[in-house]
């Protein structure tokens, strides 16, 4: 395993991590929306609380990694593998 990582590779990894976190957050938010359609129960409320906590943790990680992005290095992951 390489001991040093280039700035470009680090930025690429950060972009990949941010995409992954954004997808995870969206999936959890969709679960919250589905649960909100159901009748209120203690079990549902407990599940919503867990989902909200997970979303909060993902949002913190997203913000943390986003702050590390170097705006001078542009990476277009949507077209990167084309």
PDB file of N, CA and C in Angstrom:
ATOM      1  N   UNK A   1       0.847  -1.177   0.000  1.00  0.00           N
ATOM      2  CA  UNK A   1       0.000   0.000   0.000  1.00  0.00           C
ATOM      3  C   UNK A   1       0.893   1.241   0.000  1.00  0.00           C
ATOM      4  N   UNK A   2       0.610   2.186  -0.885  1.00  0.00           N
ATOM      5  CA  UNK A   2       1.444   3.392  -0.944  1.00  0.00           C
ATOM      6  C   UNK A   2       1.365   4.201   0.350  1.00  0.00           C
ATOM      7  N   UNK A   3       2.496   4.744   0.739  1.00  0.00           N
ATOM      8  CA  UNK A   3       2.539   5.558   1.950  1.00  0.00           C
ATOM      9  C   UNK A   3       2.078   6.984   1.693  1.00  0.00           C
ATOM     10  N   UNK A   4       2.247   7.451   0.468  1.00  0.00           N
ATOM     11  CA  UNK A   4       1.869   8.818   0.121  1.00  0.00           C
ATOM     12  C   UNK A   4       0.764   8.790  -0.918  1.00  0.00           C
ATOM     13  N   UNK A   5      -0.154   9.702  -0.785  1.00  0.00           N
ATOM     14  CA  UNK A   5      -1.248   9.813  -1.742  1.00  0.00           C
ATOM     15  C   UNK A   5      -1.149  11.193  -2.386  1.00  0.00           C
ATOM     16  N   UNK A   6      -1.339  11.232  -3.683  1.00  0.00           N
ATOM     17  CA  UNK A   6      -1.250  12.520  -4.373  1.00  0.00           C
ATOM     18  C   UNK A   6      -2.481  13.356  -4.051  1.00  0.00           C
ATOM     19  N   UNK A   7      -2.352  14.663  -4.229  1.00  0.00           N
ATOM     20  CA  UNK A   7      -3.490  15.556  -3.998  1.00  0.00           C
ATOM     21  C   UNK A   7      -4.658  15.186  -4.903  1.00  0.00           C
ATOM     22  N   UNK A   8      -4.356  14.855  -6.148  1.00  0.00           N
ATOM     23  CA  UNK A   8      -5.411  14.482  -7.086  1.00  0.00           C
ATOM     24  C   UNK A   8      -6.147  13.229  -6.653  1.00  0.00           C
ATOM     25  N   UNK A   9      -5.390  12.219  -6.182  1.00  0.00           N
ATOM     26  CA  UNK A   9      -6.025  10.989  -5.709  1.00  0.00           C
ATOM     27  C   UNK A   9      -6.864  11.241  -4.462  1.00  0.00           C
ATOM     28  N   UNK A  10      -6.357  12.075  -3.564  1.00  0.00           N
ATOM     29  CA  UNK A  10      -7.118  12.414  -2.361  1.00  0.00           C
ATOM     30  C   UNK A  10      -8.423  13.104  -2.736  1.00  0.00           C
ATOM     31  N   UNK A  11      -8.353  14.032  -3.667  1.00  0.00           N
ATOM     32  CA  UNK A  11      -9.560  14.747  -4.083  1.00  0.00           C
ATOM     33  C   UNK A  11     -10.555  13.788  -4.738  1.00  0.00           C
ATOM     34  N   UNK A  12     -10.052  12.857  -5.528  1.00  0.00           N
ATOM     35  CA  UNK A  12     -10.927  11.865  -6.155  1.00  0.00           C
ATOM     36  C   UNK A  12     -11.614  11.023  -5.082  1.00  0.00           C
ATOM     37  N   UNK A  13     -10.848  10.568  -4.094  1.00  0.00           N
ATOM     38  CA  UNK A  13     -11.429   9.791  -2.999  1.00  0.00           C
ATOM     39  C   UNK A  13     -12.473  10.593  -2.231  1.00  0.00           C
ATOM     40  N   UNK A  14     -12.194  11.866  -2.010  1.00  0.00           N
ATOM     41  CA  UNK A  14     -13.158  12.717  -1.312  1.00  0.00           C
ATOM     42  C   UNK A  14     -14.449  12.843  -2.112  1.00  0.00           C
ATOM     43  N   UNK A  15     -14.339  13.016  -3.426  1.00  0.00           N
ATOM     44  CA  UNK A  15     -15.533  13.114  -4.267  1.00  0.00           C
ATOM     45  C   UNK A  15     -16.336  11.813  -4.230  1.00  0.00           C
ATOM     46  N   UNK A  16     -15.646  10.689  -4.279  1.00  0.00           N
ATOM     47  CA  UNK A  16     -16.326   9.394  -4.214  1.00  0.00           C
ATOM     48  C   UNK A  16     -17.018   9.232  -2.864  1.00  0.00           C
ATOM     49  N   UNK A  17     -16.326   9.592  -1.795  1.00  0.00           N
ATOM     50  CA  UNK A  17     -16.920   9.493  -0.458  1.00  0.00           C
ATOM     51  C   UNK A  17     -18.149  10.388  -0.342  1.00  0.00           C
ATOM     52  N   UNK A  18     -18.069  11.598  -0.879  1.00  0.00           N
ATOM     53  CA  UNK A  18     -19.204  12.520  -0.817  1.00  0.00           C
ATOM     54  C   UNK A  18     -20.394  11.977  -1.597  1.00  0.00           C
ATOM     55  N   UNK A  19     -20.130  11.379  -2.759  1.00  0.00           N
ATOM     56  CA  UNK A  19     -21.228  10.790  -3.528  1.00  0.00           C
ATOM     57  C   UNK A  19     -21.874   9.651  -2.755  1.00  0.00           C
ATOM     58  N   UNK A  20     -21.058   8.812  -2.156  1.00  0.00           N
ATOM     59  CA  UNK A  20     -21.570   7.692  -1.377  1.00  0.00           C
ATOM     60  C   UNK A  20     -22.411   8.178  -0.198  1.00  0.00           C
ATOM     61  N   UNK A  21     -21.911   9.172   0.517  1.00  0.00           N
ATOM     62  CA  UNK A  21     -22.656   9.721   1.653  1.00  0.00           C
ATOM     63  C   UNK A  21     -23.969  10.356   1.201  1.00  0.00           C
ATOM     64  N   UNK A  22     -23.951  11.047   0.072  1.00  0.00           N
ATOM     65  CA  UNK A  22     -25.173  11.672  -0.441  1.00  0.00           C
ATOM     66  C   UNK A  22     -26.210  10.609  -0.789  1.00  0.00           C
ATOM     67  N   UNK A  23     -25.768   9.504  -1.378  1.00  0.00           N
ATOM     68  CA  UNK A  23     -26.687   8.413  -1.718  1.00  0.00           C
ATOM     69  C   UNK A  23     -27.254   7.791  -0.449  1.00  0.00           C
ATOM     70  N   UNK A  24     -26.388   7.528   0.532  1.00  0.00           N
ATOM     71  CA  UNK A  24     -26.849   6.948   1.795  1.00  0.00           C
ATOM     72  C   UNK A  24     -27.876   7.852   2.470  1.00  0.00           C
ATOM     73  N   UNK A  25     -27.608   9.147   2.470  1.00  0.00           N
ATOM     74  CA  UNK A  25     -28.523  10.104   3.091  1.00  0.00           C
ATOM     75  C   UNK A  25     -29.863  10.108   2.371  1.00  0.00           C
ATOM     76  N   UNK A  26     -29.844  10.085   1.048  1.00  0.00           N
ATOM     77  CA  UNK A  26     -31.083  10.070   0.269  1.00  0.00           C
ATOM     78  C   UNK A  26     -31.898   8.819   0.568  1.00  0.00           C
ATOM     79  N   UNK A  27     -31.235   7.671   0.643  1.00  0.00           N
ATOM     80  CA  UNK A  27     -31.945   6.427   0.955  1.00  0.00           C
ATOM     81  C   UNK A  27     -32.600   6.495   2.333  1.00  0.00           C
ATOM     82  N   UNK A  28     -31.884   7.035   3.305  1.00  0.00           N
ATOM     83  CA  UNK A  28     -32.449   7.169   4.650  1.00  0.00           C
ATOM     84  C   UNK A  28     -33.611   8.160   4.663  1.00  0.00           C
ATOM     85  N   UNK A  29     -33.468   9.257   3.937  1.00  0.00           N
ATOM     86  CA  UNK A  29     -34.561  10.235   3.867  1.00  0.00           C
ATOM     87  C   UNK A  29     -35.796   9.630   3.205  1.00  0.00           C
ATOM     88  N   UNK A  30     -35.591   8.761   2.225  1.00  0.00           N
ATOM     89  CA  UNK A  30     -36.724   8.072   1.605  1.00  0.00           C
ATOM     90  C   UNK A  30     -37.410   7.146   2.598  1.00  0.00           C
ATOM     91  N   UNK A  31     -36.629   6.469   3.445  1.00  0.00           N
ATOM     92  CA  UNK A  31     -37.210   5.620   4.482  1.00  0.00           C
ATOM     93  C   UNK A  31     -38.026   6.455   5.462  1.00  0.00           C
ATOM     94  N   UNK A  32     -37.512   7.614   5.826  1.00  0.00           N
ATOM     95  CA  UNK A  32     -38.235   8.514   6.730  1.00  0.00           C
ATOM     96  C   UNK A  32     -39.558   8.924   6.102  1.00  0.00           C
ATOM     97  N   UNK A  33     -39.542   9.275   4.830  1.00  0.00           N
ATOM     98  CA  UNK A  33     -40.767   9.688   4.138  1.00  0.00           C
ATOM     99  C   UNK A  33     -41.789   8.560   4.125  1.00  0.00           C
ATOM    100  N   UNK A  34     -41.329   7.336   3.894  1.00  0.00           N
ATOM    101  CA  UNK A  34     -42.245   6.188   3.894  1.00  0.00           C
ATOM    102  C   UNK A  34     -42.826   5.957   5.288  1.00  0.00           C
ATOM    103  N   UNK A  35     -41.986   6.049   6.305  1.00  0.00           N
ATOM    104  CA  UNK A  35     -42.470   5.855   7.672  1.00  0.00           C
ATOM    105  C   UNK A  35     -43.450   6.949   8.073  1.00  0.00           C
ATOM    106  N   UNK A  36     -43.238   8.153   7.595  1.00  0.00           N
ATOM    107  CA  UNK A  36     -44.139   9.258   7.934  1.00  0.00           C
ATOM    108  C   UNK A  36     -45.529   9.070   7.344  1.00  0.00           C
ATOM    109  N   UNK A  37     -45.650   8.238   6.318  1.00  0.00           N
ATOM    110  CA  UNK A  37     -46.956   7.965   5.718  1.00  0.00           C
ATOM    111  C   UNK A  37     -47.781   7.004   6.574  1.00  0.00           C
ATOM    112  N   UNK A  38     -47.101   6.254   7.444  1.00  0.00           N
ATOM    113  CA  UNK A  38     -47.777   5.266   8.280  1.00  0.00           C
ATOM    114  C   UNK A  38     -48.389   5.933   9.510  1.00  0.00           C
ATOM    115  N   UNK A  39     -49.309   5.188  10.146  1.00  0.00           N
ATOM    116  CA  UNK A  39     -49.897   5.686  11.389  1.00  0.00           C
ATOM    117  C   UNK A  39     -48.821   5.755  12.463  1.00  0.00           C
ATOM    118  N   UNK A  40     -49.013   6.669  13.386  1.00  0.00           N
ATOM    119  CA  UNK A  40     -48.037   6.842  14.453  1.00  0.00           C
ATOM    120  C   UNK A  40     -48.097   5.665  15.423  1.00  0.00           C
ATOM    121  N   UNK A  41     -46.942   5.108  15.686  1.00  0.00           N
ATOM    122  CA  UNK A  41     -46.794   4.071  16.699  1.00  0.00           C
ATOM    123  C   UNK A  41     -45.472   4.321  17.410  1.00  0.00           C
ATOM    124  N   UNK A  42     -45.319   3.738  18.569  1.00  0.00           N
ATOM    125  CA  UNK A  42     -44.056   3.891  19.295  1.00  0.00           C
ATOM    126  C   UNK A  42     -42.909   3.248  18.521  1.00  0.00           C
ATOM    127  N   UNK A  43     -43.190   2.120  17.886  1.00  0.00           N
ATOM    128  CA  UNK A  43     -42.161   1.428  17.104  1.00  0.00           C
ATOM    129  C   UNK A  43     -41.717   2.293  15.924  1.00  0.00           C
ATOM    130  N   UNK A  44     -42.677   2.903  15.252  1.00  0.00           N
ATOM    131  CA  UNK A  44     -42.360   3.762  14.112  1.00  0.00           C
ATOM    132  C   UNK A  44     -41.578   4.981  14.585  1.00  0.00           C
ATOM    133  N   UNK A  45     -42.011   5.571  15.696  1.00  0.00           N
ATOM    134  CA  UNK A  45     -41.308   6.739  16.232  1.00  0.00           C
ATOM    135  C   UNK A  45     -39.864   6.400  16.603  1.00  0.00           C
ATOM    136  N   UNK A  46     -39.656   5.202  17.156  1.00  0.00           N
ATOM    137  CA  UNK A  46     -38.304   4.759  17.496  1.00  0.00           C
ATOM    138  C   UNK A  46     -37.465   4.601  16.231  1.00  0.00           C
ATOM    139  N   UNK A  47     -38.049   4.024  15.190  1.00  0.00           N
ATOM    140  CA  UNK A  47     -37.338   3.857  13.918  1.00  0.00           C
ATOM    141  C   UNK A  47     -37.009   5.215  13.302  1.00  0.00           C
ATOM    142  N   UNK A  48     -37.949   6.164  13.374  1.00  0.00           N
ATOM    143  CA  UNK A  48     -37.694   7.509  12.852  1.00  0.00           C
ATOM    144  C   UNK A  48     -36.542   8.181  13.598  1.00  0.00           C
ATOM    145  N   UNK A  49     -36.508   7.985  14.894  1.00  0.00           N
ATOM    146  CA  UNK A  49     -35.438   8.570  15.699  1.00  0.00           C
ATOM    147  C   UNK A  49     -34.075   8.001  15.288  1.00  0.00           C
ATOM    148  N   UNK A  50     -34.022   6.693  15.057  1.00  0.00           N
ATOM    149  CA  UNK A  50     -32.777   6.061  14.618  1.00  0.00           C
ATOM    150  C   UNK A  50     -32.359   6.578  13.242  1.00  0.00           C
ATOM    151  N   UNK A  51     -33.322   6.690  12.333  1.00  0.00           N
ATOM    152  CA  UNK A  51     -33.022   7.188  10.992  1.00  0.00           C
ATOM    153  C   UNK A  51     -32.534   8.631  11.042  1.00  0.00           C
ATOM    154  N   UNK A  52     -33.200   9.455  11.845  1.00  0.00           N
ATOM    155  CA  UNK A  52     -32.784  10.855  11.983  1.00  0.00           C
ATOM    156  C   UNK A  52     -31.352  10.954  12.516  1.00  0.00           C
ATOM    157  N   UNK A  53     -31.024  10.084  13.466  1.00  0.00           N
ATOM    158  CA  UNK A  53     -29.666  10.076  14.021  1.00  0.00           C
ATOM    159  C   UNK A  53     -28.653   9.680  12.941  1.00  0.00           C
ATOM    160  N   UNK A  54     -28.984   8.669  12.156  1.00  0.00           N
ATOM    161  CA  UNK A  54     -28.093   8.240  11.074  1.00  0.00           C
ATOM    162  C   UNK A  54     -27.902   9.350  10.046  1.00  0.00           C
ATOM    163  N   UNK A  55     -28.983  10.035   9.711  1.00  0.00           N
ATOM    164  CA  UNK A  55     -28.903  11.148   8.757  1.00  0.00           C
ATOM    165  C   UNK A  55     -28.009  12.250   9.310  1.00  0.00           C
ATOM    166  N   UNK A  56     -28.130  12.540  10.589  1.00  0.00           N
ATOM    167  CA  UNK A  56     -27.292  13.557  11.223  1.00  0.00           C
ATOM    168  C   UNK A  56     -25.810  13.182  11.137  1.00  0.00           C
ATOM    169  N   UNK A  57     -25.486  11.922  11.429  1.00  0.00           N
ATOM    170  CA  UNK A  57     -24.091  11.480  11.367  1.00  0.00           C
ATOM    171  C   UNK A  57     -23.548  11.550   9.941  1.00  0.00           C
ATOM    172  N   UNK A  58     -24.357  11.140   8.975  1.00  0.00           N
ATOM    173  CA  UNK A  58     -23.932  11.203   7.575  1.00  0.00           C
ATOM    174  C   UNK A  58     -23.723  12.653   7.157  1.00  0.00           C
ATOM    175  N   UNK A  59     -24.623  13.532   7.576  1.00  0.00           N
ATOM    176  CA  UNK A  59     -24.496  14.954   7.232  1.00  0.00           C
ATOM    177  C   UNK A  59     -23.219  15.550   7.812  1.00  0.00           C
ATOM    178  N   UNK A  60     -22.881  15.165   9.034  1.00  0.00           N
ATOM    179  CA  UNK A  60     -21.639  15.651   9.654  1.00  0.00           C
ATOM    180  C   UNK A  60     -20.422  15.181   8.861  1.00  0.00           C
ATOM    181  N   UNK A  61     -20.412  13.889   8.507  1.00  0.00           N
ATOM    182  CA  UNK A  61     -19.296  13.368   7.712  1.00  0.00           C
ATOM    183  C   UNK A  61     -19.214  14.079   6.369  1.00  0.00           C
ATOM    184  N   UNK A  62     -20.357  14.277   5.730  1.00  0.00           N
ATOM    185  CA  UNK A  62     -20.390  14.944   4.429  1.00  0.00           C
ATOM    186  C   UNK A  62     -19.775  16.338   4.536  1.00  0.00           C
ATOM    187  N   UNK A  63     -20.223  17.097   5.528  1.00  0.00           N
ATOM    188  CA  UNK A  63     -19.700  18.459   5.711  1.00  0.00           C
ATOM    189  C   UNK A  63     -18.200  18.448   6.014  1.00  0.00           C
ATOM    190  N   UNK A  64     -17.772  17.481   6.822  1.00  0.00           N
ATOM    191  CA  UNK A  64     -16.356  17.363   7.182  1.00  0.00           C
ATOM    192  C   UNK A  64     -15.500  17.103   5.943  1.00  0.00           C
ATOM    193  N   UNK A  65     -15.914  16.142   5.125  1.00  0.00           N
ATOM    194  CA  UNK A  65     -15.139  15.810   3.925  1.00  0.00           C
ATOM    195  C   UNK A  65     -15.253  16.890   2.857  1.00  0.00           C
ATOM    196  N   UNK A  66     -16.396  17.518   2.765  1.00  0.00           N
ATOM    197  CA  UNK A  66     -16.568  18.574   1.768  1.00  0.00           C
ATOM    198  C   UNK A  66     -15.624  19.740   2.060  1.00  0.00           C
ATOM    199  N   UNK A  67     -15.373  19.995   3.337  1.00  0.00           N
ATOM    200  CA  UNK A  67     -14.466  21.083   3.716  1.00  0.00           C
ATOM    201  C   UNK A  67     -13.031  20.802   3.266  1.00  0.00           C
ATOM    202  N   UNK A  68     -12.702  19.546   3.008  1.00  0.00           N
ATOM    203  CA  UNK A  68     -11.356  19.180   2.572  1.00  0.00           C
ATOM    204  C   UNK A  68     -11.162  19.294   1.065  1.00  0.00           C
ATOM    205  N   UNK A  69     -12.231  19.503   0.320  1.00  0.00           N
ATOM    206  CA  UNK A  69     -12.112  19.578  -1.133  1.00  0.00           C
ATOM    207  C   UNK A  69     -11.282  20.779  -1.551  1.00  0.00           C
ATOM    208  N   UNK A  70     -10.462  20.567  -2.526  1.00  0.00           N
ATOM    209  CA  UNK A  70      -9.648  21.636  -3.106  1.00  0.00           C
ATOM    210  C   UNK A  70     -10.377  22.129  -4.351  1.00  0.00           C
ATOM    211  N   UNK A  71     -10.907  23.353  -4.324  1.00  0.00           N
ATOM    212  CA  UNK A  71     -11.691  23.847  -5.464  1.00  0.00           C
ATOM    213  C   UNK A  71     -10.873  24.013  -6.740  1.00  0.00           C
ATOM    214  N   UNK A  72      -9.549  23.977  -6.626  1.00  0.00           N
ATOM    215  CA  UNK A  72      -8.723  24.117  -7.830  1.00  0.00           C
ATOM    216  C   UNK A  72      -8.595  22.801  -8.596  1.00  0.00           C
ATOM    217  N   UNK A  73      -8.951  21.686  -7.954  1.00  0.00           N
ATOM    218  CA  UNK A  73      -8.886  20.379  -8.616  1.00  0.00           C
ATOM    219  C   UNK A  73     -10.302  19.963  -8.972  1.00  0.00           C
ATOM    220  N   UNK A  74     -10.594  19.947 -10.248  1.00  0.00           N
ATOM    221  CA  UNK A  74     -11.936  19.604 -10.728  1.00  0.00           C
ATOM    222  C   UNK A  74     -11.973  18.136 -11.129  1.00  0.00           C
ATOM    223  N   UNK A  75     -12.928  17.400 -10.571  1.00  0.00           N
ATOM    224  CA  UNK A  75     -13.115  15.993 -10.913  1.00  0.00           C
ATOM    225  C   UNK A  75     -14.588  15.786 -11.235  1.00  0.00           C
ATOM    226  N   UNK A  76     -14.856  15.319 -12.439  1.00  0.00           N
ATOM    227  CA  UNK A  76     -16.221  15.039 -12.878  1.00  0.00           C
ATOM    228  C   UNK A  76     -16.428  13.531 -12.829  1.00  0.00           C
ATOM    229  N   UNK A  77     -16.895  13.022 -11.680  1.00  0.00           N
ATOM    230  CA  UNK A  77     -17.038  11.581 -11.523  1.00  0.00           C
ATOM    231  C   UNK A  77     -18.106  10.992 -12.434  1.00  0.00           C
ATOM    232  N   UNK A  78     -19.095  11.791 -12.811  1.00  0.00           N
ATOM    233  CA  UNK A  78     -20.145  11.273 -13.690  1.00  0.00           C
ATOM    234  C   UNK A  78     -19.575  10.857 -15.036  1.00  0.00           C
ATOM    235  N   UNK A  79     -18.574  11.564 -15.510  1.00  0.00           N
ATOM    236  CA  UNK A  79     -17.963  11.249 -16.802  1.00  0.00           C
ATOM    237  C   UNK A  79     -16.571  10.640 -16.663  1.00  0.00           C
ATOM    238  N   UNK A  80     -16.116  10.435 -15.448  1.00  0.00           N
ATOM    239  CA  UNK A  80     -14.749   9.973 -15.203  1.00  0.00           C
ATOM    240  C   UNK A  80     -14.478   8.604 -15.822  1.00  0.00           C
ATOM    241  N   UNK A  81     -15.447   7.700 -15.718  1.00  0.00           N
ATOM    242  CA  UNK A  81     -15.238   6.329 -16.178  1.00  0.00           C
ATOM    243  C   UNK A  81     -15.757   6.080 -17.582  1.00  0.00           C
ATOM    244  N   UNK A  82     -16.204   7.124 -18.268  1.00  0.00           N
ATOM    245  CA  UNK A  82     -16.685   6.953 -19.648  1.00  0.00           C
ATOM    246  C   UNK A  82     -15.544   6.765 -20.607  1.00  0.00           C
TER     247      UNK A  82
END
